[in-house]
Protein backbone atom coordinates (compact mmCIF):
# COMPACT_ATOMS: atom_id res chain seq x y z
CA MET A 1 -36.17 25.46 -11.71
CA THR A 2 -33.21 23.33 -10.66
CA THR A 3 -29.55 24.01 -11.15
CA THR A 4 -27.82 20.77 -11.67
CA LYS A 5 -24.44 20.38 -13.32
CA GLU A 6 -24.98 17.36 -15.46
CA ASN A 7 -21.79 17.75 -17.48
CA GLU A 8 -19.62 17.96 -14.36
CA LYS A 9 -17.91 14.72 -13.27
CA PRO A 10 -17.39 13.99 -9.58
CA LYS A 11 -13.82 14.23 -8.29
CA ASP A 12 -11.84 11.09 -8.19
CA LEU A 13 -10.49 10.92 -4.61
CA THR A 14 -9.21 7.32 -4.74
CA PHE A 15 -5.63 8.49 -5.21
CA LYS A 16 -5.73 10.58 -2.00
CA TYR A 17 -7.48 7.86 0.02
CA ASN A 18 -5.13 5.09 -1.29
CA ARG A 19 -2.03 7.16 -0.43
CA PHE A 20 -3.44 7.86 3.13
CA LEU A 21 -4.40 4.23 3.68
CA TYR A 22 -1.03 3.01 2.35
CA GLY A 23 0.84 5.28 4.75
CA ALA A 24 -1.39 4.32 7.67
CA PHE A 25 -0.82 0.60 7.18
CA VAL A 26 2.97 1.09 6.75
CA VAL A 27 3.06 3.11 10.00
CA LEU A 28 0.96 0.49 11.69
CA ALA A 29 3.34 -2.24 10.50
CA MET A 30 6.30 -0.29 11.87
CA VAL A 31 4.62 0.00 15.24
CA PHE A 32 3.93 -3.71 15.35
CA LEU A 33 7.47 -4.48 14.26
CA ALA A 34 8.85 -2.15 17.02
CA THR A 35 6.82 -4.01 19.60
CA GLY A 36 7.94 -7.39 18.35
CA GLN A 37 4.67 -8.55 16.85
CA LEU A 38 6.14 -9.91 13.59
CA THR A 39 3.02 -11.51 12.17
CA SER A 40 0.91 -8.44 12.68
CA ALA A 41 3.64 -6.27 11.11
CA MET A 42 3.89 -8.64 8.15
CA SER A 43 0.16 -8.76 7.51
CA ASN A 44 -0.29 -4.97 7.77
CA LEU A 45 2.67 -4.43 5.51
CA GLY A 46 1.07 -6.80 2.97
CA ILE A 47 -2.28 -5.15 3.24
CA ALA A 48 -0.59 -1.77 2.53
CA LEU A 49 0.26 -3.11 -0.91
CA ILE A 50 -3.43 -3.23 -1.79
CA PHE A 51 -3.59 0.57 -1.55
CA ASP A 52 -1.05 1.36 -4.29
CA PRO A 53 0.24 4.87 -3.29
CA PHE A 54 0.83 5.71 -7.06
CA ASP A 55 -1.67 6.19 -9.84
CA GLN A 56 -3.37 2.86 -10.30
CA LYS A 57 -4.63 3.79 -13.74
CA VAL A 58 -1.08 3.65 -15.14
CA ALA A 59 -0.03 0.13 -16.36
CA TRP A 60 2.92 -1.60 -14.74
CA GLN A 61 5.00 -1.30 -17.92
CA ASN A 62 4.34 2.45 -18.21
CA ARG A 63 5.25 3.33 -14.59
CA PRO A 64 8.49 5.10 -13.87
CA LEU A 65 11.34 2.92 -12.61
CA TYR A 66 11.31 4.42 -9.10
CA GLN A 67 7.64 3.39 -8.60
CA ARG A 68 8.23 -0.14 -9.76
CA ALA A 69 11.36 -0.42 -7.54
CA TRP A 70 9.46 1.01 -4.49
CA LEU A 71 6.65 -1.60 -4.84
CA LEU A 72 9.06 -4.48 -5.48
CA VAL A 73 11.16 -3.54 -2.50
CA HIS A 74 7.94 -3.35 -0.44
CA LEU A 75 7.00 -6.85 -1.64
CA VAL A 76 10.53 -8.21 -0.84
CA LEU A 77 10.19 -6.78 2.73
CA VAL A 78 6.88 -8.61 3.18
CA LEU A 79 8.32 -11.84 1.92
CA GLY A 80 11.45 -11.37 4.02
CA LEU A 81 9.22 -11.04 7.14
CA LEU A 82 7.44 -14.21 6.07
CA VAL A 83 10.78 -16.01 5.86
CA VAL A 84 11.88 -14.71 9.29
CA TRP A 85 8.52 -15.78 10.75
CA ALA A 86 8.88 -19.27 9.23
CA ILE A 87 12.38 -19.71 10.58
CA GLU A 88 11.24 -18.73 14.07
CA LYS A 89 8.11 -20.85 13.89
CA PHE A 90 9.77 -23.99 12.60
């Protein structure tokens, strides 16, 4: 006789993993920025956006204002670093 729980769904841990990876990439970007490696900081900050730290199941229109503002400010920072890099490069 086996005791399986067929009705029980596995836990969804993506929220915890995404929040951890988002934080890790942001911290890594700060370290690169502190050491003067602008391109590495910019790319890691951009990669951090992939791991949305908020609930990804909620549509953009239904998210609270602070979440949308946070993600837009994050995107502006990445684009700002891109502009700074382009000015330095050219």
